[in-house]
Protein backbone atom coordinates (compact mmCIF):
# COMPACT_ATOMS: atom_id res chain seq x y z
CA UNK A 1 1.52 54.86 29.74
CA UNK A 2 1.05 55.67 33.22
CA UNK A 3 3.74 57.33 35.38
CA UNK A 4 3.56 54.86 38.28
CA UNK A 5 4.86 52.33 35.53
CA UNK A 6 8.06 54.06 35.01
CA UNK A 7 8.78 55.19 38.62
CA UNK A 8 7.85 51.68 39.82
CA UNK A 9 9.25 49.17 36.87
CA UNK A 10 11.53 51.64 35.23
CA UNK A 11 13.69 53.95 37.27
CA UNK A 12 14.50 51.66 40.48
CA UNK A 13 16.39 48.79 38.46
CA UNK A 14 19.27 48.65 36.12
CA UNK A 15 18.78 49.31 32.08
CA UNK A 16 18.63 45.21 31.37
CA UNK A 17 16.11 44.79 34.23
CA UNK A 18 14.20 48.05 32.99
CA UNK A 19 14.05 47.01 29.43
CA UNK A 20 12.78 43.46 29.87
CA UNK A 21 9.95 44.85 32.59
CA UNK A 22 9.01 47.50 29.30
CA UNK A 23 8.83 44.83 27.09
CA UNK A 24 7.00 42.32 29.20
CA UNK A 25 4.49 45.29 29.89
CA UNK A 26 4.35 46.21 25.96
CA UNK A 27 3.65 42.85 24.80
CA UNK A 28 0.89 42.34 27.89
CA UNK A 29 -0.75 45.95 27.04
CA UNK A 30 -0.35 45.21 22.91
CA UNK A 31 -1.99 41.43 23.44
CA UNK A 32 -4.84 42.82 25.63
CA UNK A 33 -6.11 44.57 22.41
CA UNK A 34 -7.11 41.18 20.63
CA UNK A 35 -10.01 38.60 21.66
CA UNK A 36 -8.61 35.34 22.98
CA UNK A 37 -9.03 33.77 19.81
CA UNK A 38 -7.37 36.00 17.53
CA UNK A 39 -4.77 36.17 20.36
CA UNK A 40 -3.97 32.84 20.03
CA UNK A 41 -4.09 32.64 16.28
CA UNK A 42 -1.52 35.60 16.20
CA UNK A 43 1.07 34.03 18.75
CA UNK A 44 0.44 30.38 17.32
CA UNK A 45 -0.01 29.04 20.92
CA UNK A 46 -3.39 28.29 21.62
CA UNK A 47 -4.59 26.19 24.81
CA UNK A 48 -0.80 25.10 25.04
CA UNK A 49 -0.57 25.46 29.14
CA UNK A 50 -0.87 22.05 31.42
CA UNK A 51 -1.58 23.08 35.09
CA UNK A 52 -1.31 20.31 37.62
CA UNK A 53 -2.62 21.15 41.27
CA UNK A 54 -0.62 19.78 43.82
CA UNK A 55 -2.68 16.78 45.51
CA UNK A 56 -4.49 16.19 42.17
CA UNK A 57 -3.82 13.58 39.70
CA UNK A 58 -5.38 15.42 36.53
CA UNK A 59 -3.57 18.09 34.35
CA UNK A 60 -5.97 21.06 33.26
CA UNK A 61 -5.63 23.00 29.99
CA UNK A 62 -5.79 26.71 30.86
CA UNK A 63 -6.31 29.63 28.34
CA UNK A 64 -4.48 32.96 29.29
CA UNK A 65 -7.15 34.01 31.31
CA UNK A 66 -6.60 31.12 33.64
CA UNK A 67 -9.88 29.27 32.48
CA UNK A 68 -9.87 25.65 32.16
CA UNK A 69 -10.83 24.13 29.02
CA UNK A 70 -10.11 20.55 28.92
CA UNK A 71 -8.45 17.84 31.18
CA UNK A 72 -5.58 15.48 30.77
CA UNK A 73 -6.00 12.50 33.29
CA UNK A 74 -3.10 10.60 34.92
CA UNK A 75 -4.83 7.59 33.34
CA UNK A 76 -4.51 8.81 30.05
CA UNK A 77 -0.52 9.52 30.90
CA UNK A 78 0.19 6.34 32.52
CA UNK A 79 -1.57 4.05 29.83
CA UNK A 80 0.99 5.44 27.14
CA UNK A 81 3.01 8.51 27.87
CA UNK A 82 2.88 12.23 27.69
CA UNK A 83 3.65 12.58 24.32
CA UNK A 84 1.25 10.32 23.02
CA UNK A 85 -1.74 11.51 25.20
CA UNK A 86 -1.12 15.16 23.93
CA UNK A 87 -0.72 13.98 20.33
CA UNK A 88 -4.19 12.41 20.73
CA UNK A 89 -5.35 16.16 21.92
CA UNK A 90 -3.92 17.63 18.68
CA UNK A 91 -1.00 19.38 20.34
CA UNK A 92 2.79 18.98 19.88
CA UNK A 93 4.56 17.99 23.22
CA UNK A 94 7.39 20.95 22.42
CA UNK A 95 4.88 23.35 22.37
CA UNK A 96 3.09 22.70 25.68
CA UNK A 97 4.38 24.03 29.02
CA UNK A 98 3.58 22.22 32.19
CA UNK A 99 3.06 24.00 35.62
CA UNK A 100 2.52 22.93 38.79
CA UNK A 101 0.42 24.98 41.38
CA UNK A 102 1.51 24.17 44.98
CA UNK A 103 -0.02 25.89 48.01
CA UNK A 104 1.54 28.85 49.48
CA UNK A 105 2.04 27.31 52.74
CA UNK A 106 4.55 24.77 51.44
CA UNK A 107 6.88 27.81 50.36
CA UNK A 108 9.65 29.23 52.69
CA UNK A 109 9.31 33.19 51.95
CA UNK A 110 12.01 35.45 53.16
CA UNK A 111 11.57 39.36 52.71
CA UNK A 112 14.29 41.74 52.77
CA UNK A 113 15.28 45.05 51.21
CA UNK A 114 18.19 45.73 48.80
CA UNK A 115 19.68 49.20 47.58
CA UNK A 116 17.85 49.73 43.92
CA UNK A 117 21.26 49.79 42.47
CA UNK A 118 22.10 46.52 43.05
CA UNK A 119 19.08 45.07 41.05
CA UNK A 120 21.73 44.10 38.22
CA UNK A 121 23.33 42.03 40.56
CA UNK A 122 20.30 40.67 42.60
CA UNK A 123 20.85 36.94 41.06
CA UNK A 124 24.23 36.35 42.85
CA UNK A 125 22.66 38.41 46.01
CA UNK A 126 20.19 35.75 46.42
CA UNK A 127 22.39 32.67 45.90
CA UNK A 128 24.50 34.22 48.80
CA UNK A 129 21.42 35.19 50.84
CA UNK A 130 20.23 31.44 50.53
CA UNK A 131 23.51 29.88 51.31
CA UNK A 132 23.95 32.33 54.35
CA UNK A 133 20.62 33.04 56.11
CA UNK A 134 18.48 29.96 55.11
CA UNK A 135 19.04 26.35 56.20
CA UNK A 136 18.83 24.95 52.78
CA UNK A 137 21.12 24.13 50.21
CA UNK A 138 20.84 24.94 46.59
CA UNK A 139 20.83 21.87 45.22
CA UNK A 140 18.05 20.98 47.21
CA UNK A 141 15.55 23.59 46.42
CA UNK A 142 13.89 25.60 43.62
CA UNK A 143 13.49 29.27 44.42
CA UNK A 144 11.71 32.44 42.76
CA UNK A 145 11.38 36.07 43.96
CA UNK A 146 9.29 39.19 43.20
CA UNK A 147 10.38 42.81 43.46
CA UNK A 148 8.01 45.99 44.62
CA UNK A 149 8.94 49.39 45.00
CA UNK A 150 9.80 50.55 48.54
CA UNK A 151 7.18 52.44 50.29
CA UNK A 152 9.40 54.08 52.82
CA UNK A 153 12.45 54.64 50.71
CA UNK A 154 12.72 55.59 46.95
CA UNK A 155 16.50 54.32 46.77
CA UNK A 156 15.41 50.66 48.01
CA UNK A 157 13.57 47.60 46.36
CA UNK A 158 11.38 45.23 48.06
CA UNK A 159 12.51 41.39 47.44
CA UNK A 160 10.51 38.74 48.25
CA UNK A 161 12.38 35.40 47.82
CA UNK A 162 10.03 32.07 47.65
CA UNK A 163 11.81 28.94 48.32
CA UNK A 164 10.59 25.29 47.72
CA UNK A 165 12.02 21.92 48.20
CA UNK A 166 12.81 19.85 45.14
CA UNK A 167 11.38 16.77 46.59
CA UNK A 168 8.06 18.47 47.22
CA UNK A 169 7.63 19.47 43.49
CA UNK A 170 8.88 16.04 42.61
CA UNK A 171 6.28 14.16 44.67
CA UNK A 172 3.44 16.60 43.33
CA UNK A 173 4.65 15.68 39.73
CA UNK A 174 4.93 12.12 40.46
CA UNK A 175 1.67 11.60 41.90
CA UNK A 176 -0.05 12.36 38.60
CA UNK A 177 2.70 10.14 36.44
CA UNK A 178 4.82 13.35 35.23
CA UNK A 179 8.42 13.22 35.16
CA UNK A 180 9.75 16.57 36.57
CA UNK A 181 12.01 17.27 33.91
CA UNK A 182 8.85 17.81 31.85
CA UNK A 183 7.55 20.45 34.18
CA UNK A 184 8.28 24.23 32.94
CA UNK A 185 7.36 26.07 35.96
CA UNK A 186 6.09 26.19 39.56
CA UNK A 187 3.53 28.75 40.90
CA UNK A 188 2.47 29.24 44.64
CA UNK A 189 -1.31 29.58 44.83
CA UNK A 190 -3.41 30.58 47.73
CA UNK A 191 -2.14 33.02 50.77
CA UNK A 192 -2.52 36.77 50.79
CA UNK A 193 -4.77 37.75 47.88
CA UNK A 194 -2.97 40.94 47.73
CA UNK A 195 0.55 39.10 47.74
CA UNK A 196 2.04 39.25 44.27
CA UNK A 197 3.50 35.58 43.71
CA UNK A 198 6.40 34.81 41.42
CA UNK A 199 5.95 32.16 38.63
CA UNK A 200 9.34 29.97 39.07
CA UNK A 201 10.71 29.14 36.03
CA UNK A 202 12.57 25.36 35.80
CA UNK A 203 15.43 24.71 33.17
CA UNK A 204 16.54 27.04 30.69
CA UNK A 205 12.74 27.56 29.11
CA UNK A 206 13.78 31.19 28.04
CA UNK A 207 16.12 29.46 25.37
CA UNK A 208 13.90 27.15 24.16
CA UNK A 209 10.76 29.78 23.86
CA UNK A 210 11.60 32.52 21.66
CA UNK A 211 8.37 32.99 20.04
CA UNK A 212 7.44 35.68 22.69
CA UNK A 213 10.66 37.78 22.23
CA UNK A 214 10.49 37.46 18.75
CA UNK A 215 6.67 39.14 18.71
CA UNK A 216 7.86 41.65 21.13
CA UNK A 217 10.80 42.77 18.80
CA UNK A 218 8.73 42.75 16.04
CA UNK A 219 6.02 44.85 17.80
CA UNK A 220 8.50 47.34 18.91
CA UNK A 221 9.82 47.42 15.62
CA UNK A 222 6.85 47.86 14.26
CA UNK A 223 5.82 50.57 16.64
CA UNK A 224 8.82 52.40 15.53
CA UNK A 225 8.22 52.45 11.74
CA UNK A 226 4.75 53.49 12.33
CA UNK A 227 6.13 56.30 14.57
CA UNK A 228 8.58 57.39 11.75
CA UNK A 229 6.05 57.12 9.17
CA UNK A 230 3.54 59.17 10.94
CA UNK A 231 6.15 61.57 11.36
CA UNK A 232 7.15 61.68 8.16
CA UNK A 233 3.57 61.78 6.76
CA UNK A 234 2.71 64.60 9.26
CA UNK A 235 5.71 66.79 8.40
CA UNK A 236 4.98 66.20 4.37
CA UNK A 237 1.53 67.17 4.95
CA UNK A 238 2.11 70.22 7.00
CA UNK A 239 4.48 71.39 4.26
CA UNK A 240 1.78 70.79 1.83
CA UNK A 241 -0.87 72.75 3.71
CA UNK A 242 1.94 75.43 3.95
CA UNK A 243 2.34 75.51 0.52
CA UNK A 244 -1.61 75.42 -0.26
CA UNK A 245 -1.91 78.30 2.12
CA UNK A 246 0.63 80.65 1.01
CA UNK A 247 -1.01 80.09 -2.59
CA UNK A 248 -4.82 81.07 -1.06
CA UNK A 249 -2.87 83.93 0.84
CA UNK A 250 -1.35 85.34 -2.60
CA UNK A 251 -4.88 84.54 -4.44
CA UNK A 252 -6.94 86.50 -1.94
CA UNK A 253 -4.11 89.48 -1.43
CA UNK A 254 -4.84 89.96 -5.38
CA UNK A 255 -8.54 89.47 -4.82
CA UNK A 256 -8.13 92.29 -1.71
CA UNK A 257 -6.50 94.46 -4.06
CA UNK A 258 -8.70 94.34 -6.73
CA UNK A 259 -11.66 94.38 -4.46
CA UNK A 260 -9.91 97.88 -2.87
CA UNK A 261 -9.97 99.34 -6.43
CA UNK A 262 -14.14 98.52 -6.94
CA UNK A 263 -14.60 100.00 -3.69
CA UNK A 264 -12.54 103.09 -4.20
CA UNK A 265 -14.48 103.58 -7.88
CA UNK A 266 -17.88 102.74 -5.92
CA UNK A 267 -16.88 105.74 -3.36
CA UNK A 268 -15.88 108.13 -5.90
CA UNK A 269 -19.33 107.23 -7.54
CA UNK A 270 -21.22 107.29 -4.54
CA UNK A 271 -19.89 110.71 -3.42
CA UNK A 272 -20.64 111.87 -7.23
CA UNK A 273 -24.00 110.78 -6.77
CA UNK A 274 -24.60 112.69 -3.60
CA UNK A 275 -23.62 115.86 -5.20
CA UNK A 276 -25.73 115.08 -8.42
CA UNK A 277 -29.00 114.59 -5.92
CA UNK A 278 -28.28 117.54 -3.61
CA UNK A 279 -27.98 119.54 -7.10
CA UNK A 280 -31.53 118.36 -7.98
CA UNK A 281 -32.44 119.27 -4.74
CA UNK A 282 -34.70 116.45 -4.55
CA UNK A 283 -36.01 115.11 -1.50
CA UNK A 284 -34.54 111.56 0.18
CA UNK A 285 -35.70 108.51 1.78
CA UNK A 286 -35.03 109.92 4.98
CA UNK A 287 -36.62 113.49 4.28
CA UNK A 288 -39.75 111.40 3.12
CA UNK A 289 -39.76 109.35 6.13
CA UNK A 290 -39.27 111.90 8.52
CA UNK A 291 -41.97 114.10 6.65
CA UNK A 292 -44.47 111.11 7.05
CA UNK A 293 -43.66 110.58 10.62
CA UNK A 294 -44.67 114.09 11.19
CA UNK A 295 -48.12 113.70 9.82
CA UNK A 296 -49.26 110.43 11.01
CA UNK A 297 -50.93 110.71 14.44
CA UNK A 298 -49.17 109.11 17.35
CA UNK A 299 -51.73 106.24 17.63
CA UNK A 300 -51.01 105.11 13.86
CA UNK A 301 -48.30 102.84 12.68
CA UNK A 302 -47.23 101.45 9.14
CA UNK A 303 -46.16 98.18 7.84
CA UNK A 304 -45.10 99.19 4.58
CA UNK A 305 -43.72 102.06 2.93
CA UNK A 306 -42.63 101.86 -0.42
CA UNK A 307 -41.03 104.59 -2.86
CA UNK A 308 -41.47 104.14 -6.61
CA UNK A 309 -41.66 105.86 -9.88
CA UNK A 310 -44.99 105.23 -11.82
CA UNK A 311 -43.85 107.70 -14.46
CA UNK A 312 -41.04 109.58 -15.56
CA UNK A 313 -40.00 112.24 -13.45
CA UNK A 314 -43.31 111.32 -11.16
CA UNK A 315 -42.22 109.65 -7.78
CA UNK A 316 -44.79 108.44 -5.54
CA UNK A 317 -45.11 106.96 -2.03
CA UNK A 318 -47.12 104.14 -0.89
CA UNK A 319 -48.21 103.60 2.79
CA UNK A 320 -49.79 100.63 4.29
CA UNK A 321 -50.80 100.91 8.16
CA UNK A 322 -52.85 101.14 10.74
CA UNK A 323 -54.70 104.18 12.58
CA UNK A 324 -57.67 104.81 14.74
CA UNK A 325 -59.23 106.92 12.08
CA UNK A 326 -57.88 106.69 8.71
CA UNK A 327 -60.57 108.97 6.91
CA UNK A 328 -58.78 112.00 7.56
CA UNK A 329 -55.18 110.91 6.27
CA UNK A 330 -55.48 111.86 2.73
CA UNK A 331 -56.35 115.70 3.73
CA UNK A 332 -53.34 115.14 6.49
CA UNK A 333 -50.97 114.35 3.54
CA UNK A 334 -52.24 116.94 1.21
CA UNK A 335 -51.31 119.68 3.49
CA UNK A 336 -48.03 118.85 3.33
CA UNK A 337 -45.24 120.62 1.56
CA UNK A 338 -43.86 117.41 0.15
CA UNK A 339 -46.70 115.41 -0.73
CA UNK A 340 -49.55 116.17 -3.33
CA UNK A 341 -52.72 114.50 -4.50
CA UNK A 342 -52.45 111.73 -1.67
CA UNK A 343 -55.37 109.32 -2.06
CA UNK A 344 -56.65 106.01 -0.27
CA UNK A 345 -55.92 103.44 -2.84
CA UNK A 346 -57.92 100.15 -0.86
CA UNK A 347 -61.24 100.33 1.27
CA UNK A 348 -60.72 101.30 4.96
CA UNK A 349 -61.38 98.28 7.01
CA UNK A 350 -61.43 97.76 10.89
CA UNK A 351 -58.78 95.09 12.13
CA UNK A 352 -60.19 93.15 15.20
CA UNK A 353 -56.71 91.89 15.89
CA UNK A 354 -54.90 95.72 16.02
CA UNK A 355 -58.53 97.22 16.98
CA UNK A 356 -58.04 99.99 14.80
CA UNK A 357 -58.57 100.74 11.03
CA UNK A 358 -56.24 99.48 8.35
CA UNK A 359 -55.48 101.89 5.26
CA UNK A 360 -53.68 102.04 2.24
CA UNK A 361 -52.76 105.31 0.89
CA UNK A 362 -50.45 106.66 -1.98
CA UNK A 363 -48.93 110.44 -2.81
CA UNK A 364 -46.89 112.05 -5.20
CA UNK A 365 -43.52 113.39 -3.90
CA UNK A 366 -44.07 117.21 -5.40
CA UNK A 367 -42.20 119.47 -3.14
CA UNK A 368 -43.69 123.06 -2.77
CA UNK A 369 -42.40 126.48 -1.60
CA UNK A 370 -44.09 127.29 1.77
CA UNK A 371 -45.95 130.04 0.35
CA UNK A 372 -48.41 127.81 -2.47
CA UNK A 373 -49.43 126.15 0.64
CA UNK A 374 -51.18 129.41 1.89
């Protein structure tokens, strides 16, 4: 809901007028959600509005969008009666509203401003204004009005009073063979497109047509119930999620405690393993990697280095890579204090892509004291 609706329709007027304005707006926006055919079925109204244009003799049935759908001619009315003509079209006379469209130039329009707090007494103010400031008598006229927010003063409301003589409306109705008592409303047409024009209701139509008000009440009640159900469902779902989250947190805390015990045990075993390796004085992978890096020339590089134990207590290192000259690599490894019995495990092949010789070499890891190499 936009803020303009509140500032323009709700805040300036009384609570009763604001409530009516809100319900009308709510019903209109709700009806706009449905296609015209479905809306006609929901409201049980269908094409039940007959419009007579002043100066014409035929009545046109229009839908909610104002589109003409079918015509009721004056000859059909004069040949029998309005009730019988409507019955032939499948409509009950009590369910049809007849309106007259009269050119806006036939209306006397008076515009003035009133304090917004006086909107509750607007009907009495209009009658007083007509009696004191217009040349018309109340018994001779039909009038309606529109309200608009005053552009220059927030505490004032702009009123447009539309007045038309009863004889003009009666003449338009009689030209088509209608009785003015059958007319439900009059509305001006034409004039300035930007000007809001009223729909002037005739008689006590509001009491006879309770379907829109009942629909509005049902929609509002449904909205409130759905809102309460939604709030209750959200609270229930949130409480359920909180309970599930608490359960998961407790489970995760228990798992974390068990995992901490496993980590502590693994850390102790790791420290023990490190002590044992140091006691055995066996070279670690880092030592092997460092020694291989020292032996290989800068022009060589490895693609694979793998430690394995072919026999018990016999560890070997397998090296695959590329070098400018791989023939002398076994001799270089045999000179090391860490490796022994280095041999090529595959033929040396030149690689056209790397422009080096591909080699595969295996050497035993047998640490020797420095004097054994002299």
